[in-house]
Amino acid sequence: MKIEIDVSPEIIDLIADRVIEKLKPLLSVKKDKEKEKDEIFNTRSLSYYLKVSTKWINELIRANEIPHTKINGQIRFKKSEIDKWYQKHSVIPAKRIYRRR
């Protein structure tokens, strides 16, 4: 079945404008997430992000167990690398099988 509708260019422009308005929030969220991936932490901001002590982070740095960069003696952490490291260390519990008695 084929349906043809004759629509004026003005109506098409109005529809396009509405579609763009509906998509704007979704597009800005994507930009925010991309910007967030490039975020750089220092030790204090990373401890706040991970909700751990700076002492613990410094121990991980000394043991070379956490991804970091040293620039002129200053330690920095790239958020995308920290997120990957965090996921790698996440434990997913196995499903338990319960037997009926």
PDB file of N, CA and C in Angstrom:
ATOM      1  N   MET A   1       0.844  -1.158   0.000  1.00  0.00           N
ATOM      2  CA  MET A   1       0.000   0.000   0.000  1.00  0.00           C
ATOM      3  C   MET A   1       0.903   1.239   0.000  1.00  0.00           C
ATOM      4  N   LYS A   2       0.615   2.178  -0.816  1.00  0.00           N
ATOM      5  CA  LYS A   2       1.384   3.404  -0.912  1.00  0.00           C
ATOM      6  C   LYS A   2       0.457   4.587  -0.674  1.00  0.00           C
ATOM      7  N   ILE A   3       0.932   5.487   0.216  1.00  0.00           N
ATOM      8  CA  ILE A   3       0.144   6.681   0.518  1.00  0.00           C
ATOM      9  C   ILE A   3       0.988   7.894   0.184  1.00  0.00           C
ATOM     10  N   GLU A   4       0.417   8.817  -0.537  1.00  0.00           N
ATOM     11  CA  GLU A   4       1.113  10.056  -0.854  1.00  0.00           C
ATOM     12  C   GLU A   4       0.379  11.210  -0.177  1.00  0.00           C
ATOM     13  N   ILE A   5       1.194  12.077   0.461  1.00  0.00           N
ATOM     14  CA  ILE A   5       0.620  13.228   1.152  1.00  0.00           C
ATOM     15  C   ILE A   5       1.301  14.473   0.607  1.00  0.00           C
ATOM     16  N   ASP A   6       0.501  15.441   0.265  1.00  0.00           N
ATOM     17  CA  ASP A   6       1.040  16.699  -0.227  1.00  0.00           C
ATOM     18  C   ASP A   6       1.191  17.638   0.971  1.00  0.00           C
ATOM     19  N   VAL A   7       2.461  17.927   1.339  1.00  0.00           N
ATOM     20  CA  VAL A   7       2.735  18.763   2.507  1.00  0.00           C
ATOM     21  C   VAL A   7       3.525  19.984   2.055  1.00  0.00           C
ATOM     22  N   SER A   8       3.130  21.132   2.543  1.00  0.00           N
ATOM     23  CA  SER A   8       3.813  22.366   2.161  1.00  0.00           C
ATOM     24  C   SER A   8       5.204  22.427   2.810  1.00  0.00           C
ATOM     25  N   PRO A   9       6.141  23.147   2.199  1.00  0.00           N
ATOM     26  CA  PRO A   9       7.486  23.292   2.775  1.00  0.00           C
ATOM     27  C   PRO A   9       7.461  23.912   4.168  1.00  0.00           C
ATOM     28  N   GLU A  10       6.491  24.785   4.431  1.00  0.00           N
ATOM     29  CA  GLU A  10       6.388  25.402   5.752  1.00  0.00           C
ATOM     30  C   GLU A  10       6.081  24.359   6.826  1.00  0.00           C
ATOM     31  N   ILE A  11       5.194  23.435   6.505  1.00  0.00           N
ATOM     32  CA  ILE A  11       4.838  22.372   7.446  1.00  0.00           C
ATOM     33  C   ILE A  11       6.050  21.459   7.677  1.00  0.00           C
ATOM     34  N   ILE A  12       6.776  21.153   6.634  1.00  0.00           N
ATOM     35  CA  ILE A  12       7.977  20.315   6.756  1.00  0.00           C
ATOM     36  C   ILE A  12       8.989  21.002   7.672  1.00  0.00           C
ATOM     37  N   ASP A  13       9.171  22.323   7.488  1.00  0.00           N
ATOM     38  CA  ASP A  13      10.098  23.069   8.351  1.00  0.00           C
ATOM     39  C   ASP A  13       9.642  23.042   9.801  1.00  0.00           C
ATOM     40  N   LEU A  14       8.347  23.189  10.047  1.00  0.00           N
ATOM     41  CA  LEU A  14       7.826  23.125  11.413  1.00  0.00           C
ATOM     42  C   LEU A  14       8.076  21.754  12.043  1.00  0.00           C
ATOM     43  N   ILE A  15       7.847  20.700  11.262  1.00  0.00           N
ATOM     44  CA  ILE A  15       8.094  19.341  11.758  1.00  0.00           C
ATOM     45  C   ILE A  15       9.575  19.153  12.073  1.00  0.00           C
ATOM     46  N   ALA A  16      10.438  19.623  11.164  1.00  0.00           N
ATOM     47  CA  ALA A  16      11.882  19.491  11.373  1.00  0.00           C
ATOM     48  C   ALA A  16      12.315  20.243  12.630  1.00  0.00           C
ATOM     49  N   ASP A  17      11.780  21.435  12.837  1.00  0.00           N
ATOM     50  CA  ASP A  17      12.122  22.213  14.035  1.00  0.00           C
ATOM     51  C   ASP A  17      11.707  21.487  15.308  1.00  0.00           C
ATOM     52  N   ARG A  18      10.541  20.867  15.288  1.00  0.00           N
ATOM     53  CA  ARG A  18      10.074  20.114  16.465  1.00  0.00           C
ATOM     54  C   ARG A  18      10.961  18.904  16.733  1.00  0.00           C
ATOM     55  N   VAL A  19      11.358  18.228  15.664  1.00  0.00           N
ATOM     56  CA  VAL A  19      12.240  17.068  15.827  1.00  0.00           C
ATOM     57  C   VAL A  19      13.578  17.506  16.426  1.00  0.00           C
ATOM     58  N   ILE A  20      14.127  18.602  15.941  1.00  0.00           N
ATOM     59  CA  ILE A  20      15.396  19.115  16.461  1.00  0.00           C
ATOM     60  C   ILE A  20      15.259  19.473  17.938  1.00  0.00           C
ATOM     61  N   GLU A  21      14.172  20.119  18.308  1.00  0.00           N
ATOM     62  CA  GLU A  21      13.953  20.478  19.718  1.00  0.00           C
ATOM     63  C   GLU A  21      13.878  19.247  20.605  1.00  0.00           C
ATOM     64  N   LYS A  22      13.257  18.195  20.097  1.00  0.00           N
ATOM     65  CA  LYS A  22      13.149  16.951  20.869  1.00  0.00           C
ATOM     66  C   LYS A  22      14.510  16.259  21.002  1.00  0.00           C
ATOM     67  N   LEU A  23      15.373  16.394  19.993  1.00  0.00           N
ATOM     68  CA  LEU A  23      16.673  15.721  20.006  1.00  0.00           C
ATOM     69  C   LEU A  23      17.748  16.485  20.775  1.00  0.00           C
ATOM     70  N   LYS A  24      17.603  17.776  20.937  1.00  0.00           N
ATOM     71  CA  LYS A  24      18.631  18.593  21.604  1.00  0.00           C
ATOM     72  C   LYS A  24      19.049  18.050  22.964  1.00  0.00           C
ATOM     73  N   PRO A  25      18.124  17.708  23.860  1.00  0.00           N
ATOM     74  CA  PRO A  25      18.558  17.187  25.169  1.00  0.00           C
ATOM     75  C   PRO A  25      19.381  15.900  25.039  1.00  0.00           C
ATOM     76  N   LEU A  26      19.020  15.054  24.107  1.00  0.00           N
ATOM     77  CA  LEU A  26      19.756  13.807  23.926  1.00  0.00           C
ATOM     78  C   LEU A  26      21.161  14.064  23.400  1.00  0.00           C
ATOM     79  N   LEU A  27      21.300  15.019  22.515  1.00  0.00           N
ATOM     80  CA  LEU A  27      22.606  15.345  21.954  1.00  0.00           C
ATOM     81  C   LEU A  27      23.503  15.998  22.990  1.00  0.00           C
ATOM     82  N   SER A  28      22.953  16.837  23.848  1.00  0.00           N
ATOM     83  CA  SER A  28      23.772  17.501  24.858  1.00  0.00           C
ATOM     84  C   SER A  28      24.250  16.507  25.906  1.00  0.00           C
ATOM     85  N   VAL A  29      23.467  15.488  26.217  1.00  0.00           N
ATOM     86  CA  VAL A  29      23.892  14.456  27.160  1.00  0.00           C
ATOM     87  C   VAL A  29      25.092  13.723  26.596  1.00  0.00           C
ATOM     88  N   LYS A  30      25.076  13.430  25.312  1.00  0.00           N
ATOM     89  CA  LYS A  30      26.201  12.738  24.675  1.00  0.00           C
ATOM     90  C   LYS A  30      27.461  13.592  24.759  1.00  0.00           C
ATOM     91  N   LYS A  31      27.346  14.883  24.515  1.00  0.00           N
ATOM     92  CA  LYS A  31      28.499  15.775  24.610  1.00  0.00           C
ATOM     93  C   LYS A  31      29.038  15.819  26.031  1.00  0.00           C
ATOM     94  N   ASP A  32      28.130  15.863  27.014  1.00  0.00           N
ATOM     95  CA  ASP A  32      28.551  15.878  28.416  1.00  0.00           C
ATOM     96  C   ASP A  32      29.297  14.601  28.769  1.00  0.00           C
ATOM     97  N   LYS A  33      28.833  13.466  28.280  1.00  0.00           N
ATOM     98  CA  LYS A  33      29.495  12.196  28.567  1.00  0.00           C
ATOM     99  C   LYS A  33      30.870  12.145  27.913  1.00  0.00           C
ATOM    100  N   GLU A  34      30.982  12.678  26.678  1.00  0.00           N
ATOM    101  CA  GLU A  34      32.283  12.706  26.012  1.00  0.00           C
ATOM    102  C   GLU A  34      33.246  13.606  26.785  1.00  0.00           C
ATOM    103  N   LYS A  35      32.763  14.742  27.259  1.00  0.00           N
ATOM    104  CA  LYS A  35      33.593  15.655  28.032  1.00  0.00           C
ATOM    105  C   LYS A  35      34.015  14.992  29.344  1.00  0.00           C
ATOM    106  N   GLU A  36      33.085  14.236  29.934  1.00  0.00           N
ATOM    107  CA  GLU A  36      33.357  13.570  31.200  1.00  0.00           C
ATOM    108  C   GLU A  36      34.454  12.519  31.040  1.00  0.00           C
ATOM    109  N   LYS A  37      34.510  11.843  29.887  1.00  0.00           N
ATOM    110  CA  LYS A  37      35.541  10.828  29.645  1.00  0.00           C
ATOM    111  C   LYS A  37      36.935  11.447  29.675  1.00  0.00           C
ATOM    112  N   ASP A  38      37.064  12.698  29.258  1.00  0.00           N
ATOM    113  CA  ASP A  38      38.353  13.366  29.189  1.00  0.00           C
ATOM    114  C   ASP A  38      38.746  14.012  30.509  1.00  0.00           C
ATOM    115  N   GLU A  39      37.916  13.871  31.522  1.00  0.00           N
ATOM    116  CA  GLU A  39      38.178  14.514  32.802  1.00  0.00           C
ATOM    117  C   GLU A  39      39.469  13.978  33.419  1.00  0.00           C
ATOM    118  N   ILE A  40      40.221  14.882  34.046  1.00  0.00           N
ATOM    119  CA  ILE A  40      41.473  14.525  34.711  1.00  0.00           C
ATOM    120  C   ILE A  40      41.302  14.779  36.202  1.00  0.00           C
ATOM    121  N   PHE A  41      41.709  13.781  36.998  1.00  0.00           N
ATOM    122  CA  PHE A  41      41.629  13.900  38.448  1.00  0.00           C
ATOM    123  C   PHE A  41      43.010  14.089  39.054  1.00  0.00           C
ATOM    124  N   ASN A  42      43.075  14.799  40.177  1.00  0.00           N
ATOM    125  CA  ASN A  42      44.253  14.728  41.032  1.00  0.00           C
ATOM    126  C   ASN A  42      43.909  13.708  42.122  1.00  0.00           C
ATOM    127  N   THR A  43      44.813  13.487  43.048  1.00  0.00           N
ATOM    128  CA  THR A  43      44.588  12.457  44.066  1.00  0.00           C
ATOM    129  C   THR A  43      43.343  12.750  44.899  1.00  0.00           C
ATOM    130  N   ARG A  44      43.166  13.995  45.292  1.00  0.00           N
ATOM    131  CA  ARG A  44      42.012  14.347  46.121  1.00  0.00           C
ATOM    132  C   ARG A  44      40.698  14.163  45.367  1.00  0.00           C
ATOM    133  N   SER A  45      40.626  14.658  44.135  1.00  0.00           N
ATOM    134  CA  SER A  45      39.370  14.530  43.387  1.00  0.00           C
ATOM    135  C   SER A  45      39.078  13.071  43.032  1.00  0.00           C
ATOM    136  N   LEU A  46      40.134  12.279  42.814  1.00  0.00           N
ATOM    137  CA  LEU A  46      39.913  10.852  42.561  1.00  0.00           C
ATOM    138  C   LEU A  46      39.387  10.156  43.809  1.00  0.00           C
ATOM    139  N   SER A  47      39.918  10.522  44.972  1.00  0.00           N
ATOM    140  CA  SER A  47      39.424   9.908  46.207  1.00  0.00           C
ATOM    141  C   SER A  47      37.953  10.243  46.423  1.00  0.00           C
ATOM    142  N   TYR A  48      37.560  11.449  46.062  1.00  0.00           N
ATOM    143  CA  TYR A  48      36.150  11.846  46.171  1.00  0.00           C
ATOM    144  C   TYR A  48      35.312  11.052  45.174  1.00  0.00           C
ATOM    145  N   TYR A  49      35.816  10.899  43.948  1.00  0.00           N
ATOM    146  CA  TYR A  49      35.091  10.171  42.897  1.00  0.00           C
ATOM    147  C   TYR A  49      34.894   8.700  43.280  1.00  0.00           C
ATOM    148  N   LEU A  50      35.938   8.074  43.811  1.00  0.00           N
ATOM    149  CA  LEU A  50      35.862   6.655  44.178  1.00  0.00           C
ATOM    150  C   LEU A  50      35.327   6.425  45.589  1.00  0.00           C
ATOM    151  N   LYS A  51      35.187   7.526  46.354  1.00  0.00           N
ATOM    152  CA  LYS A  51      34.716   7.449  47.750  1.00  0.00           C
ATOM    153  C   LYS A  51      35.643   6.588  48.602  1.00  0.00           C
ATOM    154  N   VAL A  52      36.938   6.896  48.477  1.00  0.00           N
ATOM    155  CA  VAL A  52      37.972   6.220  49.265  1.00  0.00           C
ATOM    156  C   VAL A  52      38.915   7.286  49.810  1.00  0.00           C
ATOM    157  N   SER A  53      39.845   6.884  50.669  1.00  0.00           N
ATOM    158  CA  SER A  53      40.779   7.850  51.240  1.00  0.00           C
ATOM    159  C   SER A  53      41.922   8.140  50.273  1.00  0.00           C
ATOM    160  N   THR A  54      42.503   9.331  50.408  1.00  0.00           N
ATOM    161  CA  THR A  54      43.672   9.666  49.595  1.00  0.00           C
ATOM    162  C   THR A  54      44.858   8.785  49.989  1.00  0.00           C
ATOM    163  N   LYS A  55      44.902   8.391  51.243  1.00  0.00           N
ATOM    164  CA  LYS A  55      45.969   7.495  51.712  1.00  0.00           C
ATOM    165  C   LYS A  55      45.942   6.181  50.922  1.00  0.00           C
ATOM    166  N   TRP A  56      44.761   5.624  50.739  1.00  0.00           N
ATOM    167  CA  TRP A  56      44.634   4.371  49.993  1.00  0.00           C
ATOM    168  C   TRP A  56      45.079   4.548  48.539  1.00  0.00           C
ATOM    169  N   ILE A  57      44.692   5.674  47.928  1.00  0.00           N
ATOM    170  CA  ILE A  57      45.102   5.945  46.546  1.00  0.00           C
ATOM    171  C   ILE A  57      46.619   6.075  46.472  1.00  0.00           C
ATOM    172  N   ASN A  58      47.232   6.771  47.435  1.00  0.00           N
ATOM    173  CA  ASN A  58      48.689   6.904  47.435  1.00  0.00           C
ATOM    174  C   ASN A  58      49.385   5.551  47.573  1.00  0.00           C
ATOM    175  N   GLU A  59      48.793   4.641  48.342  1.00  0.00           N
ATOM    176  CA  GLU A  59      49.343   3.290  48.456  1.00  0.00           C
ATOM    177  C   GLU A  59      49.280   2.570  47.114  1.00  0.00           C
ATOM    178  N   LEU A  60      48.173   2.734  46.390  1.00  0.00           N
ATOM    179  CA  LEU A  60      48.041   2.118  45.062  1.00  0.00           C
ATOM    180  C   LEU A  60      49.049   2.703  44.077  1.00  0.00           C
ATOM    181  N   ILE A  61      49.303   4.003  44.192  1.00  0.00           N
ATOM    182  CA  ILE A  61      50.282   4.657  43.307  1.00  0.00           C
ATOM    183  C   ILE A  61      51.668   4.083  43.580  1.00  0.00           C
ATOM    184  N   ARG A  62      52.055   4.012  44.857  1.00  0.00           N
ATOM    185  CA  ARG A  62      53.376   3.485  45.215  1.00  0.00           C
ATOM    186  C   ARG A  62      53.556   2.042  44.736  1.00  0.00           C
ATOM    187  N   ALA A  63      52.484   1.261  44.793  1.00  0.00           N
ATOM    188  CA  ALA A  63      52.538  -0.136  44.351  1.00  0.00           C
ATOM    189  C   ALA A  63      52.337  -0.257  42.838  1.00  0.00           C
ATOM    190  N   ASN A  64      52.130   0.863  42.172  1.00  0.00           N
ATOM    191  CA  ASN A  64      51.903   0.907  40.718  1.00  0.00           C
ATOM    192  C   ASN A  64      50.710   0.029  40.317  1.00  0.00           C
ATOM    193  N   GLU A  65      49.649   0.083  41.111  1.00  0.00           N
ATOM    194  CA  GLU A  65      48.469  -0.740  40.877  1.00  0.00           C
ATOM    195  C   GLU A  65      47.292   0.024  40.300  1.00  0.00           C
ATOM    196  N   ILE A  66      47.443   1.311  40.112  1.00  0.00           N
ATOM    197  CA  ILE A  66      46.359   2.128  39.574  1.00  0.00           C
ATOM    198  C   ILE A  66      46.933   2.959  38.423  1.00  0.00           C
ATOM    199  N   PRO A  67      46.194   3.078  37.307  1.00  0.00           N
ATOM    200  CA  PRO A  67      46.721   3.858  36.179  1.00  0.00           C
ATOM    201  C   PRO A  67      46.839   5.342  36.530  1.00  0.00           C
ATOM    202  N   HIS A  68      48.014   5.892  36.303  1.00  0.00           N
ATOM    203  CA  HIS A  68      48.244   7.306  36.602  1.00  0.00           C
ATOM    204  C   HIS A  68      49.357   7.845  35.721  1.00  0.00           C
ATOM    205  N   THR A  69      49.473   9.142  35.723  1.00  0.00           N
ATOM    206  CA  THR A  69      50.520   9.839  34.982  1.00  0.00           C
ATOM    207  C   THR A  69      51.187  10.815  35.934  1.00  0.00           C
ATOM    208  N   LYS A  70      52.485  10.945  35.796  1.00  0.00           N
ATOM    209  CA  LYS A  70      53.218  11.889  36.631  1.00  0.00           C
ATOM    210  C   LYS A  70      53.751  12.996  35.720  1.00  0.00           C
ATOM    211  N   ILE A  71      53.338  14.225  36.018  1.00  0.00           N
ATOM    212  CA  ILE A  71      53.749  15.386  35.225  1.00  0.00           C
ATOM    213  C   ILE A  71      54.404  16.375  36.175  1.00  0.00           C
ATOM    214  N   ASN A  72      55.701  16.593  35.993  1.00  0.00           N
ATOM    215  CA  ASN A  72      56.455  17.499  36.866  1.00  0.00           C
ATOM    216  C   ASN A  72      56.204  17.199  38.349  1.00  0.00           C
ATOM    217  N   GLY A  73      56.191  15.928  38.689  1.00  0.00           N
ATOM    218  CA  GLY A  73      56.009  15.535  40.079  1.00  0.00           C
ATOM    219  C   GLY A  73      54.567  15.491  40.542  1.00  0.00           C
ATOM    220  N   GLN A  74      53.645  15.899  39.690  1.00  0.00           N
ATOM    221  CA  GLN A  74      52.219  15.905  40.034  1.00  0.00           C
ATOM    222  C   GLN A  74      51.549  14.650  39.473  1.00  0.00           C
ATOM    223  N   ILE A  75      50.815  13.952  40.306  1.00  0.00           N
ATOM    224  CA  ILE A  75      50.106  12.743  39.881  1.00  0.00           C
ATOM    225  C   ILE A  75      48.737  13.121  39.339  1.00  0.00           C
ATOM    226  N   ARG A  76      48.409  12.570  38.168  1.00  0.00           N
ATOM    227  CA  ARG A  76      47.106  12.812  37.548  1.00  0.00           C
ATOM    228  C   ARG A  76      46.524  11.486  37.075  1.00  0.00           C
ATOM    229  N   PHE A  77      45.187  11.444  37.032  1.00  0.00           N
ATOM    230  CA  PHE A  77      44.462  10.243  36.646  1.00  0.00           C
ATOM    231  C   PHE A  77      43.448  10.608  35.570  1.00  0.00           C
ATOM    232  N   LYS A  78      43.407   9.836  34.502  1.00  0.00           N
ATOM    233  CA  LYS A  78      42.434  10.049  33.441  1.00  0.00           C
ATOM    234  C   LYS A  78      41.180   9.244  33.775  1.00  0.00           C
ATOM    235  N   LYS A  79      40.030   9.901  33.777  1.00  0.00           N
ATOM    236  CA  LYS A  79      38.781   9.265  34.196  1.00  0.00           C
ATOM    237  C   LYS A  79      38.479   8.005  33.404  1.00  0.00           C
ATOM    238  N   SER A  80      38.675   8.039  32.096  1.00  0.00           N
ATOM    239  CA  SER A  80      38.359   6.858  31.280  1.00  0.00           C
ATOM    240  C   SER A  80      39.220   5.663  31.684  1.00  0.00           C
ATOM    241  N   GLU A  81      40.495   5.904  32.029  1.00  0.00           N
ATOM    242  CA  GLU A  81      41.366   4.814  32.459  1.00  0.00           C
ATOM    243  C   GLU A  81      40.977   4.301  33.842  1.00  0.00           C
ATOM    244  N   ILE A  82      40.582   5.205  34.714  1.00  0.00           N
ATOM    245  CA  ILE A  82      40.139   4.806  36.058  1.00  0.00           C
ATOM    246  C   ILE A  82      38.867   3.972  35.959  1.00  0.00           C
ATOM    247  N   ASP A  83      37.948   4.373  35.095  1.00  0.00           N
ATOM    248  CA  ASP A  83      36.708   3.617  34.934  1.00  0.00           C
ATOM    249  C   ASP A  83      36.987   2.202  34.424  1.00  0.00           C
ATOM    250  N   LYS A  84      37.912   2.062  33.473  1.00  0.00           N
ATOM    251  CA  LYS A  84      38.286   0.728  32.977  1.00  0.00           C
ATOM    252  C   LYS A  84      38.921  -0.095  34.091  1.00  0.00           C
ATOM    253  N   TRP A  85      39.825   0.525  34.841  1.00  0.00           N
ATOM    254  CA  TRP A  85      40.495  -0.149  35.952  1.00  0.00           C
ATOM    255  C   TRP A  85      39.466  -0.611  36.986  1.00  0.00           C
ATOM    256  N   TYR A  86      38.516   0.249  37.284  1.00  0.00           N
ATOM    257  CA  TYR A  86      37.469  -0.068  38.263  1.00  0.00           C
ATOM    258  C   TYR A  86      36.634  -1.266  37.793  1.00  0.00           C
ATOM    259  N   GLN A  87      36.250  -1.248  36.523  1.00  0.00           N
ATOM    260  CA  GLN A  87      35.454  -2.359  35.975  1.00  0.00           C
ATOM    261  C   GLN A  87      36.239  -3.668  36.017  1.00  0.00           C
ATOM    262  N   LYS A  88      37.531  -3.587  35.731  1.00  0.00           N
ATOM    263  CA  LYS A  88      38.378  -4.780  35.733  1.00  0.00           C
ATOM    264  C   LYS A  88      38.446  -5.406  37.121  1.00  0.00           C
ATOM    265  N   HIS A  89      38.332  -4.595  38.153  1.00  0.00           N
ATOM    266  CA  HIS A  89      38.422  -5.075  39.521  1.00  0.00           C
ATOM    267  C   HIS A  89      37.067  -5.359  40.167  1.00  0.00           C
ATOM    268  N   SER A  90      36.002  -5.189  39.403  1.00  0.00           N
ATOM    269  CA  SER A  90      34.666  -5.450  39.938  1.00  0.00           C
ATOM    270  C   SER A  90      34.423  -6.956  40.010  1.00  0.00           C
ATOM    271  N   VAL A  91      33.753  -7.362  41.054  1.00  0.00           N
ATOM    272  CA  VAL A  91      33.411  -8.772  41.238  1.00  0.00           C
ATOM    273  C   VAL A  91      31.915  -8.928  41.010  1.00  0.00           C
ATOM    274  N   ILE A  92      31.573  -9.844  40.126  1.00  0.00           N
ATOM    275  CA  ILE A  92      30.168 -10.109  39.852  1.00  0.00           C
ATOM    276  C   ILE A  92      29.819 -11.436  40.530  1.00  0.00           C
ATOM    277  N   PRO A  93      28.908 -11.404  41.479  1.00  0.00           N
ATOM    278  CA  PRO A  93      28.586 -12.640  42.196  1.00  0.00           C
ATOM    279  C   PRO A  93      27.936 -13.669  41.274  1.00  0.00           C
ATOM    280  N   ALA A  94      28.284 -14.916  41.500  1.00  0.00           N
ATOM    281  CA  ALA A  94      27.691 -16.001  40.722  1.00  0.00           C
ATOM    282  C   ALA A  94      26.260 -16.223  41.188  1.00  0.00           C
ATOM    283  N   LYS A  95      25.430 -16.682  40.272  1.00  0.00           N
ATOM    284  CA  LYS A  95      24.045 -16.989  40.638  1.00  0.00           C
ATOM    285  C   LYS A  95      24.035 -18.262  41.466  1.00  0.00           C
ATOM    286  N   ARG A  96      23.248 -18.233  42.495  1.00  0.00           N
ATOM    287  CA  ARG A  96      23.101 -19.423  43.325  1.00  0.00           C
ATOM    288  C   ARG A  96      21.920 -20.239  42.823  1.00  0.00           C
ATOM    289  N   ILE A  97      22.090 -21.513  42.884  1.00  0.00           N
ATOM    290  CA  ILE A  97      21.015 -22.417  42.494  1.00  0.00           C
ATOM    291  C   ILE A  97      20.429 -22.991  43.771  1.00  0.00           C
ATOM    292  N   TYR A  98      19.164 -22.763  43.945  1.00  0.00           N
ATOM    293  CA  TYR A  98      18.472 -23.257  45.127  1.00  0.00           C
ATOM    294  C   TYR A  98      17.664 -24.486  44.720  1.00  0.00           C
ATOM    295  N   ARG A  99      17.794 -25.491  45.514  1.00  0.00           N
ATOM    296  CA  ARG A  99      17.040 -26.724  45.256  1.00  0.00           C
ATOM    297  C   ARG A  99      15.849 -26.783  46.203  1.00  0.00           C
ATOM    298  N   ARG A 100      14.761 -27.234  45.669  1.00  0.00           N
ATOM    299  CA  ARG A 100      13.561 -27.403  46.498  1.00  0.00           C
ATOM    300  C   ARG A 100      13.702 -28.675  47.308  1.00  0.00           C
ATOM    301  N   ARG A 101      13.220 -28.620  48.511  1.00  0.00           N
ATOM    302  CA  ARG A 101      13.282 -29.814  49.370  1.00  0.00           C
ATOM    303  C   ARG A 101      11.968 -30.500  49.434  1.00  0.00           C
TER     304      ARG A 101
END
